[in-house]
ModelCIF file with pLDDT and N, C-alpha, C, O atoms, coordinates in Angstrom:
data_MODEL
#
_entry.id   MODEL 
#
_entity.id                         1 
_entity.type                       polymer 
_entity.pdbx_number_of_molecules   1 
#
_entity_poly.entity_id                      1 
_entity_poly.type                           'polypeptide(L)' 
_entity_poly.nstd_linkage                   no 
_entity_poly.nstd_monomer                   no 
_entity_poly.pdbx_seq_one_letter_code       VEEAYIQGVHVNPSGEAMRKGFHADFIMFVQDGDKVTKVTRDEWITR 
_entity_poly.pdbx_seq_one_letter_code_can   VEEAYIQGVHVNPSGEAMRKGFHADFIMFVQDGDKVTKVTRDEWITR 
_entity_poly.pdbx_strand_id                 A 
#
loop_
_entity_poly_seq.entity_id 
_entity_poly_seq.num 
_entity_poly_seq.mon_id 
_entity_poly_seq.hetero 
1 1  VAL n 
1 2  GLU n 
1 3  GLU n 
1 4  ALA n 
1 5  TYR n 
1 6  ILE n 
1 7  GLN n 
1 8  GLY n 
1 9  VAL n 
1 10 HIS n 
1 11 VAL n 
1 12 ASN n 
1 13 PRO n 
1 14 SER n 
1 15 GLY n 
1 16 GLU n 
1 17 ALA n 
1 18 MET n 
1 19 ARG n 
1 20 LYS n 
1 21 GLY n 
1 22 PHE n 
1 23 HIS n 
1 24 ALA n 
1 25 ASP n 
1 26 PHE n 
1 27 ILE n 
1 28 MET n 
1 29 PHE n 
1 30 VAL n 
1 31 GLN n 
1 32 ASP n 
1 33 GLY n 
1 34 ASP n 
1 35 LYS n 
1 36 VAL n 
1 37 THR n 
1 38 LYS n 
1 39 VAL n 
1 40 THR n 
1 41 ARG n 
1 42 ASP n 
1 43 GLU n 
1 44 TRP n 
1 45 ILE n 
1 46 THR n 
1 47 ARG n 
#
_struct_asym.id          A 
_struct_asym.entity_id   1 
#
loop_
_ma_qa_metric.id 
_ma_qa_metric.mode 
_ma_qa_metric.name 
_ma_qa_metric.software_group_id 
_ma_qa_metric.type 
1 global pLDDT . pLDDT 
2 local  pLDDT . pLDDT 
#
_ma_qa_metric_global.metric_id      1 
_ma_qa_metric_global.metric_value   94.00 
_ma_qa_metric_global.model_id       1 
_ma_qa_metric_global.ordinal_id     1 
#
loop_
_ma_qa_metric_local.label_asym_id 
_ma_qa_metric_local.label_comp_id 
_ma_qa_metric_local.label_seq_id 
_ma_qa_metric_local.metric_id 
_ma_qa_metric_local.metric_value 
_ma_qa_metric_local.model_id 
_ma_qa_metric_local.ordinal_id 
A VAL 1  2 94.00 1 1  
A GLU 2  2 94.00 1 2  
A GLU 3  2 94.00 1 3  
A ALA 4  2 93.00 1 4  
A TYR 5  2 92.00 1 5  
A ILE 6  2 93.00 1 6  
A GLN 7  2 94.00 1 7  
A GLY 8  2 93.00 1 8  
A VAL 9  2 92.00 1 9  
A HIS 10 2 91.00 1 10 
A VAL 11 2 94.00 1 11 
A ASN 12 2 93.00 1 12 
A PRO 13 2 94.00 1 13 
A SER 14 2 95.00 1 14 
A GLY 15 2 94.00 1 15 
A GLU 16 2 96.00 1 16 
A ALA 17 2 95.00 1 17 
A MET 18 2 95.00 1 18 
A ARG 19 2 96.00 1 19 
A LYS 20 2 95.00 1 20 
A GLY 21 2 94.00 1 21 
A PHE 22 2 94.00 1 22 
A HIS 23 2 95.00 1 23 
A ALA 24 2 95.00 1 24 
A ASP 25 2 96.00 1 25 
A PHE 26 2 94.00 1 26 
A ILE 27 2 94.00 1 27 
A MET 28 2 93.00 1 28 
A PHE 29 2 94.00 1 29 
A VAL 30 2 92.00 1 30 
A GLN 31 2 92.00 1 31 
A ASP 32 2 90.00 1 32 
A GLY 33 2 93.00 1 33 
A ASP 34 2 95.00 1 34 
A LYS 35 2 95.00 1 35 
A VAL 36 2 96.00 1 36 
A THR 37 2 94.00 1 37 
A LYS 38 2 95.00 1 38 
A VAL 39 2 95.00 1 39 
A THR 40 2 96.00 1 40 
A ARG 41 2 95.00 1 41 
A ASP 42 2 96.00 1 42 
A GLU 43 2 96.00 1 43 
A TRP 44 2 93.00 1 44 
A ILE 45 2 95.00 1 45 
A THR 46 2 94.00 1 46 
A ARG 47 2 90.00 1 47 
#
loop_
_atom_site.group_PDB 
_atom_site.id 
_atom_site.type_symbol 
_atom_site.label_atom_id 
_atom_site.label_alt_id 
_atom_site.label_comp_id 
_atom_site.label_asym_id 
_atom_site.label_entity_id 
_atom_site.label_seq_id 
_atom_site.pdbx_PDB_ins_code 
_atom_site.Cartn_x 
_atom_site.Cartn_y 
_atom_site.Cartn_z 
_atom_site.occupancy 
_atom_site.B_iso_or_equiv 
_atom_site.pdbx_formal_charge 
_atom_site.auth_seq_id 
_atom_site.auth_comp_id 
_atom_site.auth_asym_id 
_atom_site.auth_atom_id 
_atom_site.pdbx_PDB_model_num 
ATOM 1   N N  . VAL A 1 1  ? -14.851 -19.069 -3.831 1.00 94.00 ? 1  VAL A N  1 
ATOM 2   C CA . VAL A 1 1  ? -13.846 -18.348 -2.937 1.00 94.00 ? 1  VAL A CA 1 
ATOM 3   C C  . VAL A 1 1  ? -14.693 -17.896 -1.655 1.00 94.00 ? 1  VAL A C  1 
ATOM 4   O O  . VAL A 1 1  ? -14.242 -18.033 -0.518 1.00 94.00 ? 1  VAL A O  1 
ATOM 5   N N  . GLU A 1 2  ? -15.833 -17.400 -1.894 1.00 94.00 ? 2  GLU A N  1 
ATOM 6   C CA . GLU A 1 2  ? -16.720 -16.993 -0.719 1.00 94.00 ? 2  GLU A CA 1 
ATOM 7   C C  . GLU A 1 2  ? -17.109 -18.029 0.226  1.00 94.00 ? 2  GLU A C  1 
ATOM 8   O O  . GLU A 1 2  ? -17.011 -17.844 1.439  1.00 94.00 ? 2  GLU A O  1 
ATOM 9   N N  . GLU A 1 3  ? -17.637 -19.335 -0.381 1.00 94.00 ? 3  GLU A N  1 
ATOM 10  C CA . GLU A 1 3  ? -18.073 -20.314 0.554  1.00 94.00 ? 3  GLU A CA 1 
ATOM 11  C C  . GLU A 1 3  ? -16.848 -21.097 1.095  1.00 94.00 ? 3  GLU A C  1 
ATOM 12  O O  . GLU A 1 3  ? -16.834 -21.428 2.281  1.00 94.00 ? 3  GLU A O  1 
ATOM 13  N N  . ALA A 1 4  ? -15.946 -21.367 0.369  1.00 93.00 ? 4  ALA A N  1 
ATOM 14  C CA . ALA A 1 4  ? -14.820 -22.349 0.839  1.00 93.00 ? 4  ALA A CA 1 
ATOM 15  C C  . ALA A 1 4  ? -13.714 -21.565 1.511  1.00 93.00 ? 4  ALA A C  1 
ATOM 16  O O  . ALA A 1 4  ? -13.088 -22.171 2.381  1.00 93.00 ? 4  ALA A O  1 
ATOM 17  N N  . TYR A 1 5  ? -13.371 -20.305 1.244  1.00 92.00 ? 5  TYR A N  1 
ATOM 18  C CA . TYR A 1 5  ? -12.329 -19.667 1.930  1.00 92.00 ? 5  TYR A CA 1 
ATOM 19  C C  . TYR A 1 5  ? -12.793 -18.727 3.046  1.00 92.00 ? 5  TYR A C  1 
ATOM 20  O O  . TYR A 1 5  ? -12.497 -18.858 4.234  1.00 92.00 ? 5  TYR A O  1 
ATOM 21  N N  . ILE A 1 6  ? -13.689 -17.596 2.427  1.00 93.00 ? 6  ILE A N  1 
ATOM 22  C CA . ILE A 1 6  ? -14.140 -16.591 3.416  1.00 93.00 ? 6  ILE A CA 1 
ATOM 23  C C  . ILE A 1 6  ? -15.085 -17.291 4.587  1.00 93.00 ? 6  ILE A C  1 
ATOM 24  O O  . ILE A 1 6  ? -14.851 -17.182 5.791  1.00 93.00 ? 6  ILE A O  1 
ATOM 25  N N  . GLN A 1 7  ? -16.113 -17.974 4.059  1.00 94.00 ? 7  GLN A N  1 
ATOM 26  C CA . GLN A 1 7  ? -17.087 -18.667 4.971  1.00 94.00 ? 7  GLN A CA 1 
ATOM 27  C C  . GLN A 1 7  ? -16.481 -19.865 5.592  1.00 94.00 ? 7  GLN A C  1 
ATOM 28  O O  . GLN A 1 7  ? -16.511 -19.986 6.816  1.00 94.00 ? 7  GLN A O  1 
ATOM 29  N N  . GLY A 1 8  ? -15.934 -20.758 4.836  1.00 93.00 ? 8  GLY A N  1 
ATOM 30  C CA . GLY A 1 8  ? -15.391 -22.003 5.414  1.00 93.00 ? 8  GLY A CA 1 
ATOM 31  C C  . GLY A 1 8  ? -14.108 -21.850 6.245  1.00 93.00 ? 8  GLY A C  1 
ATOM 32  O O  . GLY A 1 8  ? -13.835 -22.699 7.093  1.00 93.00 ? 8  GLY A O  1 
ATOM 33  N N  . VAL A 1 9  ? -13.368 -20.863 6.039  1.00 92.00 ? 9  VAL A N  1 
ATOM 34  C CA . VAL A 1 9  ? -12.239 -20.674 7.049  1.00 92.00 ? 9  VAL A CA 1 
ATOM 35  C C  . VAL A 1 9  ? -12.307 -19.593 8.056  1.00 92.00 ? 9  VAL A C  1 
ATOM 36  O O  . VAL A 1 9  ? -11.960 -19.859 9.207  1.00 92.00 ? 9  VAL A O  1 
ATOM 37  N N  . HIS A 1 10 ? -12.651 -18.586 7.799  1.00 91.00 ? 10 HIS A N  1 
ATOM 38  C CA . HIS A 1 10 ? -12.772 -17.315 8.550  1.00 91.00 ? 10 HIS A CA 1 
ATOM 39  C C  . HIS A 1 10 ? -14.050 -17.047 9.328  1.00 91.00 ? 10 HIS A C  1 
ATOM 40  O O  . HIS A 1 10 ? -13.980 -16.721 10.513 1.00 91.00 ? 10 HIS A O  1 
ATOM 41  N N  . VAL A 1 11 ? -15.239 -17.176 8.688  1.00 94.00 ? 11 VAL A N  1 
ATOM 42  C CA . VAL A 1 11 ? -16.393 -16.730 9.215  1.00 94.00 ? 11 VAL A CA 1 
ATOM 43  C C  . VAL A 1 11 ? -17.087 -17.934 10.154 1.00 94.00 ? 11 VAL A C  1 
ATOM 44  O O  . VAL A 1 11 ? -17.532 -17.784 11.292 1.00 94.00 ? 11 VAL A O  1 
ATOM 45  N N  . ASN A 1 12 ? -17.062 -18.976 9.488  1.00 93.00 ? 12 ASN A N  1 
ATOM 46  C CA . ASN A 1 12 ? -17.877 -20.211 10.093 1.00 93.00 ? 12 ASN A CA 1 
ATOM 47  C C  . ASN A 1 12 ? -16.970 -21.473 9.743  1.00 93.00 ? 12 ASN A C  1 
ATOM 48  O O  . ASN A 1 12 ? -17.293 -22.253 8.847  1.00 93.00 ? 12 ASN A O  1 
ATOM 49  N N  . PRO A 1 13 ? -15.909 -21.612 10.441 1.00 94.00 ? 13 PRO A N  1 
ATOM 50  C CA . PRO A 1 13 ? -15.014 -22.753 10.054 1.00 94.00 ? 13 PRO A CA 1 
ATOM 51  C C  . PRO A 1 13 ? -15.742 -24.052 9.751  1.00 94.00 ? 13 PRO A C  1 
ATOM 52  O O  . PRO A 1 13 ? -16.506 -24.495 10.609 1.00 94.00 ? 13 PRO A O  1 
ATOM 53  N N  . SER A 1 14 ? -15.574 -24.699 8.611  1.00 95.00 ? 14 SER A N  1 
ATOM 54  C CA . SER A 1 14 ? -16.234 -25.733 8.314  1.00 95.00 ? 14 SER A CA 1 
ATOM 55  C C  . SER A 1 14 ? -15.399 -26.626 7.232  1.00 95.00 ? 14 SER A C  1 
ATOM 56  O O  . SER A 1 14 ? -15.206 -26.229 6.083  1.00 95.00 ? 14 SER A O  1 
ATOM 57  N N  . GLY A 1 15 ? -14.940 -27.840 7.713  1.00 94.00 ? 15 GLY A N  1 
ATOM 58  C CA . GLY A 1 15 ? -14.012 -28.752 6.848  1.00 94.00 ? 15 GLY A CA 1 
ATOM 59  C C  . GLY A 1 15 ? -14.809 -29.037 5.741  1.00 94.00 ? 15 GLY A C  1 
ATOM 60  O O  . GLY A 1 15 ? -14.167 -28.924 4.697  1.00 94.00 ? 15 GLY A O  1 
ATOM 61  N N  . GLU A 1 16 ? -16.210 -29.433 5.551  1.00 96.00 ? 16 GLU A N  1 
ATOM 62  C CA . GLU A 1 16 ? -16.895 -29.731 4.669  1.00 96.00 ? 16 GLU A CA 1 
ATOM 63  C C  . GLU A 1 16 ? -16.884 -28.669 3.476  1.00 96.00 ? 16 GLU A C  1 
ATOM 64  O O  . GLU A 1 16 ? -16.723 -29.008 2.304  1.00 96.00 ? 16 GLU A O  1 
ATOM 65  N N  . ALA A 1 17 ? -17.068 -27.376 3.883  1.00 95.00 ? 17 ALA A N  1 
ATOM 66  C CA . ALA A 1 17 ? -17.037 -26.267 2.880  1.00 95.00 ? 17 ALA A CA 1 
ATOM 67  C C  . ALA A 1 17 ? -15.548 -26.054 2.376  1.00 95.00 ? 17 ALA A C  1 
ATOM 68  O O  . ALA A 1 17 ? -15.296 -25.593 1.262  1.00 95.00 ? 17 ALA A O  1 
ATOM 69  N N  . MET A 1 18 ? -14.624 -26.416 3.260  1.00 95.00 ? 18 MET A N  1 
ATOM 70  C CA . MET A 1 18 ? -13.195 -26.133 2.624  1.00 95.00 ? 18 MET A CA 1 
ATOM 71  C C  . MET A 1 18 ? -12.836 -27.321 1.674  1.00 95.00 ? 18 MET A C  1 
ATOM 72  O O  . MET A 1 18 ? -12.146 -27.157 0.668  1.00 95.00 ? 18 MET A O  1 
ATOM 73  N N  . ARG A 1 19 ? -13.398 -28.643 2.092  1.00 96.00 ? 19 ARG A N  1 
ATOM 74  C CA . ARG A 1 19 ? -13.272 -29.803 1.111  1.00 96.00 ? 19 ARG A CA 1 
ATOM 75  C C  . ARG A 1 19 ? -13.830 -29.543 -0.291 1.00 96.00 ? 19 ARG A C  1 
ATOM 76  O O  . ARG A 1 19 ? -13.335 -30.030 -1.307 1.00 96.00 ? 19 ARG A O  1 
ATOM 77  N N  . LYS A 1 20 ? -14.936 -28.708 -0.269 1.00 95.00 ? 20 LYS A N  1 
ATOM 78  C CA . LYS A 1 20 ? -15.628 -28.575 -1.580 1.00 95.00 ? 20 LYS A CA 1 
ATOM 79  C C  . LYS A 1 20 ? -14.815 -27.662 -2.393 1.00 95.00 ? 20 LYS A C  1 
ATOM 80  O O  . LYS A 1 20 ? -14.791 -27.850 -3.609 1.00 95.00 ? 20 LYS A O  1 
ATOM 81  N N  . GLY A 1 21 ? -14.058 -26.573 -1.807 1.00 94.00 ? 21 GLY A N  1 
ATOM 82  C CA . GLY A 1 21 ? -13.444 -25.621 -2.539 1.00 94.00 ? 21 GLY A CA 1 
ATOM 83  C C  . GLY A 1 21 ? -12.029 -25.593 -2.695 1.00 94.00 ? 21 GLY A C  1 
ATOM 84  O O  . GLY A 1 21 ? -11.484 -24.778 -3.438 1.00 94.00 ? 21 GLY A O  1 
ATOM 85  N N  . PHE A 1 22 ? -11.365 -26.499 -1.989 1.00 94.00 ? 22 PHE A N  1 
ATOM 86  C CA . PHE A 1 22 ? -9.764  -26.801 -2.182 1.00 94.00 ? 22 PHE A CA 1 
ATOM 87  C C  . PHE A 1 22 ? -9.686  -27.970 -2.698 1.00 94.00 ? 22 PHE A C  1 
ATOM 88  O O  . PHE A 1 22 ? -10.411 -28.897 -2.336 1.00 94.00 ? 22 PHE A O  1 
ATOM 89  N N  . HIS A 1 23 ? -8.741  -28.070 -3.661 1.00 95.00 ? 23 HIS A N  1 
ATOM 90  C CA . HIS A 1 23 ? -8.252  -29.281 -4.344 1.00 95.00 ? 23 HIS A CA 1 
ATOM 91  C C  . HIS A 1 23 ? -7.746  -30.312 -3.288 1.00 95.00 ? 23 HIS A C  1 
ATOM 92  O O  . HIS A 1 23 ? -7.143  -29.943 -2.280 1.00 95.00 ? 23 HIS A O  1 
ATOM 93  N N  . ALA A 1 24 ? -8.013  -31.604 -3.558 1.00 95.00 ? 24 ALA A N  1 
ATOM 94  C CA . ALA A 1 24 ? -7.328  -32.568 -2.506 1.00 95.00 ? 24 ALA A CA 1 
ATOM 95  C C  . ALA A 1 24 ? -5.917  -32.744 -2.442 1.00 95.00 ? 24 ALA A C  1 
ATOM 96  O O  . ALA A 1 24 ? -5.368  -33.356 -1.526 1.00 95.00 ? 24 ALA A O  1 
ATOM 97  N N  . ASP A 1 25 ? -5.209  -32.119 -3.579 1.00 96.00 ? 25 ASP A N  1 
ATOM 98  C CA . ASP A 1 25 ? -3.687  -32.019 -3.525 1.00 96.00 ? 25 ASP A CA 1 
ATOM 99  C C  . ASP A 1 25 ? -3.204  -30.772 -3.054 1.00 96.00 ? 25 ASP A C  1 
ATOM 100 O O  . ASP A 1 25 ? -2.011  -30.514 -3.218 1.00 96.00 ? 25 ASP A O  1 
ATOM 101 N N  . PHE A 1 26 ? -4.027  -29.882 -2.436 1.00 94.00 ? 26 PHE A N  1 
ATOM 102 C CA . PHE A 1 26 ? -3.776  -28.587 -1.989 1.00 94.00 ? 26 PHE A CA 1 
ATOM 103 C C  . PHE A 1 26 ? -2.646  -28.663 -0.911 1.00 94.00 ? 26 PHE A C  1 
ATOM 104 O O  . PHE A 1 26 ? -2.748  -29.501 -0.015 1.00 94.00 ? 26 PHE A O  1 
ATOM 105 N N  . ILE A 1 27 ? -1.646  -27.877 -0.961 1.00 94.00 ? 27 ILE A N  1 
ATOM 106 C CA . ILE A 1 27 ? -0.485  -27.864 0.003  1.00 94.00 ? 27 ILE A CA 1 
ATOM 107 C C  . ILE A 1 27 ? -0.289  -26.332 0.311  1.00 94.00 ? 27 ILE A C  1 
ATOM 108 O O  . ILE A 1 27 ? -0.253  -25.507 -0.602 1.00 94.00 ? 27 ILE A O  1 
ATOM 109 N N  . MET A 1 28 ? -0.182  -26.042 1.433  1.00 93.00 ? 28 MET A N  1 
ATOM 110 C CA . MET A 1 28 ? 0.097   -24.738 2.116  1.00 93.00 ? 28 MET A CA 1 
ATOM 111 C C  . MET A 1 28 ? 1.721   -24.714 2.645  1.00 93.00 ? 28 MET A C  1 
ATOM 112 O O  . MET A 1 28 ? 2.203   -25.679 3.238  1.00 93.00 ? 28 MET A O  1 
ATOM 113 N N  . PHE A 1 29 ? 2.392   -23.641 2.389  1.00 94.00 ? 29 PHE A N  1 
ATOM 114 C CA . PHE A 1 29 ? 3.613   -23.724 2.966  1.00 94.00 ? 29 PHE A CA 1 
ATOM 115 C C  . PHE A 1 29 ? 3.512   -22.770 4.213  1.00 94.00 ? 29 PHE A C  1 
ATOM 116 O O  . PHE A 1 29 ? 2.994   -21.660 4.088  1.00 94.00 ? 29 PHE A O  1 
ATOM 117 N N  . VAL A 1 30 ? 3.995   -23.195 5.380  1.00 92.00 ? 30 VAL A N  1 
ATOM 118 C CA . VAL A 1 30 ? 3.978   -22.374 6.525  1.00 92.00 ? 30 VAL A CA 1 
ATOM 119 C C  . VAL A 1 30 ? 5.408   -22.097 7.104  1.00 92.00 ? 30 VAL A C  1 
ATOM 120 O O  . VAL A 1 30 ? 6.208   -22.990 7.383  1.00 92.00 ? 30 VAL A O  1 
ATOM 121 N N  . GLN A 1 31 ? 5.625   -20.815 7.246  1.00 92.00 ? 31 GLN A N  1 
ATOM 122 C CA . GLN A 1 31 ? 6.985   -20.471 7.805  1.00 92.00 ? 31 GLN A CA 1 
ATOM 123 C C  . GLN A 1 31 ? 6.869   -20.256 9.306  1.00 92.00 ? 31 GLN A C  1 
ATOM 124 O O  . GLN A 1 31 ? 5.958   -19.622 9.838  1.00 92.00 ? 31 GLN A O  1 
ATOM 125 N N  . ASP A 1 32 ? 7.817   -20.806 9.900  1.00 90.00 ? 32 ASP A N  1 
ATOM 126 C CA . ASP A 1 32 ? 7.984   -20.578 11.456 1.00 90.00 ? 32 ASP A CA 1 
ATOM 127 C C  . ASP A 1 32 ? 9.501   -20.212 11.559 1.00 90.00 ? 32 ASP A C  1 
ATOM 128 O O  . ASP A 1 32 ? 10.402  -21.041 11.435 1.00 90.00 ? 32 ASP A O  1 
ATOM 129 N N  . GLY A 1 33 ? 9.659   -19.063 11.766 1.00 93.00 ? 33 GLY A N  1 
ATOM 130 C CA . GLY A 1 33 ? 11.212  -18.675 11.901 1.00 93.00 ? 33 GLY A CA 1 
ATOM 131 C C  . GLY A 1 33 ? 11.956  -18.989 10.558 1.00 93.00 ? 33 GLY A C  1 
ATOM 132 O O  . GLY A 1 33 ? 11.660  -18.462 9.485  1.00 93.00 ? 33 GLY A O  1 
ATOM 133 N N  . ASP A 1 34 ? 12.884  -19.841 10.725 1.00 95.00 ? 34 ASP A N  1 
ATOM 134 C CA . ASP A 1 34 ? 13.694  -20.176 9.509  1.00 95.00 ? 34 ASP A CA 1 
ATOM 135 C C  . ASP A 1 34 ? 13.053  -21.630 9.010  1.00 95.00 ? 34 ASP A C  1 
ATOM 136 O O  . ASP A 1 34 ? 13.547  -22.118 7.993  1.00 95.00 ? 34 ASP A O  1 
ATOM 137 N N  . LYS A 1 35 ? 12.154  -22.225 9.568  1.00 95.00 ? 35 LYS A N  1 
ATOM 138 C CA . LYS A 1 35 ? 11.746  -23.378 9.266  1.00 95.00 ? 35 LYS A CA 1 
ATOM 139 C C  . LYS A 1 35 ? 10.528  -23.322 8.276  1.00 95.00 ? 35 LYS A C  1 
ATOM 140 O O  . LYS A 1 35 ? 9.609   -22.568 8.596  1.00 95.00 ? 35 LYS A O  1 
ATOM 141 N N  . VAL A 1 36 ? 10.423  -23.999 7.172  1.00 96.00 ? 36 VAL A N  1 
ATOM 142 C CA . VAL A 1 36 ? 9.050   -23.966 6.374  1.00 96.00 ? 36 VAL A CA 1 
ATOM 143 C C  . VAL A 1 36 ? 8.553   -25.519 6.184  1.00 96.00 ? 36 VAL A C  1 
ATOM 144 O O  . VAL A 1 36 ? 9.184   -26.476 5.733  1.00 96.00 ? 36 VAL A O  1 
ATOM 145 N N  . THR A 1 37 ? 7.395   -25.456 6.612  1.00 94.00 ? 37 THR A N  1 
ATOM 146 C CA . THR A 1 37 ? 6.780   -26.920 6.505  1.00 94.00 ? 37 THR A CA 1 
ATOM 147 C C  . THR A 1 37 ? 5.658   -26.913 5.609  1.00 94.00 ? 37 THR A C  1 
ATOM 148 O O  . THR A 1 37 ? 5.031   -25.865 5.453  1.00 94.00 ? 37 THR A O  1 
ATOM 149 N N  . LYS A 1 38 ? 5.294   -28.091 4.930  1.00 95.00 ? 38 LYS A N  1 
ATOM 150 C CA . LYS A 1 38 ? 4.256   -28.322 4.132  1.00 95.00 ? 38 LYS A CA 1 
ATOM 151 C C  . LYS A 1 38 ? 2.891   -28.669 5.008  1.00 95.00 ? 38 LYS A C  1 
ATOM 152 O O  . LYS A 1 38 ? 2.970   -29.467 5.942  1.00 95.00 ? 38 LYS A O  1 
ATOM 153 N N  . VAL A 1 39 ? 1.802   -28.118 4.708  1.00 95.00 ? 39 VAL A N  1 
ATOM 154 C CA . VAL A 1 39 ? 0.446   -28.629 5.418  1.00 95.00 ? 39 VAL A CA 1 
ATOM 155 C C  . VAL A 1 39 ? -0.393  -29.134 4.348  1.00 95.00 ? 39 VAL A C  1 
ATOM 156 O O  . VAL A 1 39 ? -0.432  -28.513 3.286  1.00 95.00 ? 39 VAL A O  1 
ATOM 157 N N  . THR A 1 40 ? -0.944  -29.996 4.482  1.00 96.00 ? 40 THR A N  1 
ATOM 158 C CA . THR A 1 40 ? -1.854  -30.588 3.450  1.00 96.00 ? 40 THR A CA 1 
ATOM 159 C C  . THR A 1 40 ? -3.387  -29.939 3.727  1.00 96.00 ? 40 THR A C  1 
ATOM 160 O O  . THR A 1 40 ? -3.626  -29.374 4.794  1.00 96.00 ? 40 THR A O  1 
ATOM 161 N N  . ARG A 1 41 ? -4.351  -30.065 2.719  1.00 95.00 ? 41 ARG A N  1 
ATOM 162 C CA . ARG A 1 41 ? -5.523  -29.588 2.924  1.00 95.00 ? 41 ARG A CA 1 
ATOM 163 C C  . ARG A 1 41 ? -6.196  -30.098 4.113  1.00 95.00 ? 41 ARG A C  1 
ATOM 164 O O  . ARG A 1 41 ? -6.904  -29.356 4.793  1.00 95.00 ? 41 ARG A O  1 
ATOM 165 N N  . ASP A 1 42 ? -6.006  -31.367 4.410  1.00 96.00 ? 42 ASP A N  1 
ATOM 166 C CA . ASP A 1 42 ? -6.700  -32.064 5.513  1.00 96.00 ? 42 ASP A CA 1 
ATOM 167 C C  . ASP A 1 42 ? -6.067  -31.607 6.924  1.00 96.00 ? 42 ASP A C  1 
ATOM 168 O O  . ASP A 1 42 ? -6.732  -31.404 7.940  1.00 96.00 ? 42 ASP A O  1 
ATOM 169 N N  . GLU A 1 43 ? -4.744  -31.488 6.817  1.00 96.00 ? 43 GLU A N  1 
ATOM 170 C CA . GLU A 1 43 ? -4.135  -31.051 8.108  1.00 96.00 ? 43 GLU A CA 1 
ATOM 171 C C  . GLU A 1 43 ? -4.408  -29.595 8.395  1.00 96.00 ? 43 GLU A C  1 
ATOM 172 O O  . GLU A 1 43 ? -4.405  -29.117 9.530  1.00 96.00 ? 43 GLU A O  1 
ATOM 173 N N  . TRP A 1 44 ? -4.640  -28.941 7.312  1.00 93.00 ? 44 TRP A N  1 
ATOM 174 C CA . TRP A 1 44 ? -5.111  -27.433 7.581  1.00 93.00 ? 44 TRP A CA 1 
ATOM 175 C C  . TRP A 1 44 ? -6.630  -27.284 8.048  1.00 93.00 ? 44 TRP A C  1 
ATOM 176 O O  . TRP A 1 44 ? -7.009  -26.407 8.824  1.00 93.00 ? 44 TRP A O  1 
ATOM 177 N N  . ILE A 1 45 ? -7.398  -28.192 7.511  1.00 95.00 ? 45 ILE A N  1 
ATOM 178 C CA . ILE A 1 45 ? -8.769  -28.290 7.946  1.00 95.00 ? 45 ILE A CA 1 
ATOM 179 C C  . ILE A 1 45 ? -8.742  -28.663 9.480  1.00 95.00 ? 45 ILE A C  1 
ATOM 180 O O  . ILE A 1 45 ? -9.391  -28.005 10.293 1.00 95.00 ? 45 ILE A O  1 
ATOM 181 N N  . THR A 1 46 ? -7.957  -29.756 9.849  1.00 94.00 ? 46 THR A N  1 
ATOM 182 C CA . THR A 1 46 ? -7.890  -30.271 11.328 1.00 94.00 ? 46 THR A CA 1 
ATOM 183 C C  . THR A 1 46 ? -7.564  -28.861 12.139 1.00 94.00 ? 46 THR A C  1 
ATOM 184 O O  . THR A 1 46 ? -8.290  -28.443 13.041 1.00 94.00 ? 46 THR A O  1 
ATOM 185 N N  . ARG A 1 47 ? -6.441  -28.236 11.711 1.00 90.00 ? 47 ARG A N  1 
ATOM 186 C CA . ARG A 1 47 ? -6.043  -26.909 12.493 1.00 90.00 ? 47 ARG A CA 1 
ATOM 187 C C  . ARG A 1 47 ? -7.208  -25.948 12.575 1.00 90.00 ? 47 ARG A C  1 
ATOM 188 O O  . ARG A 1 47 ? -7.077  -24.867 13.148 1.00 90.00 ? 47 ARG A O  1 
#
């Protein structure tokens, strides 16, 4: 959690750290108004 999420996402964004800690099939659901979209791990890393 510390390396992949806290450090890899928030402190020092790192796709490499995120890939080590998040499963390849990870999907995040993002709400934008009434619309909900799926974001894959690699799409999230790109963002």
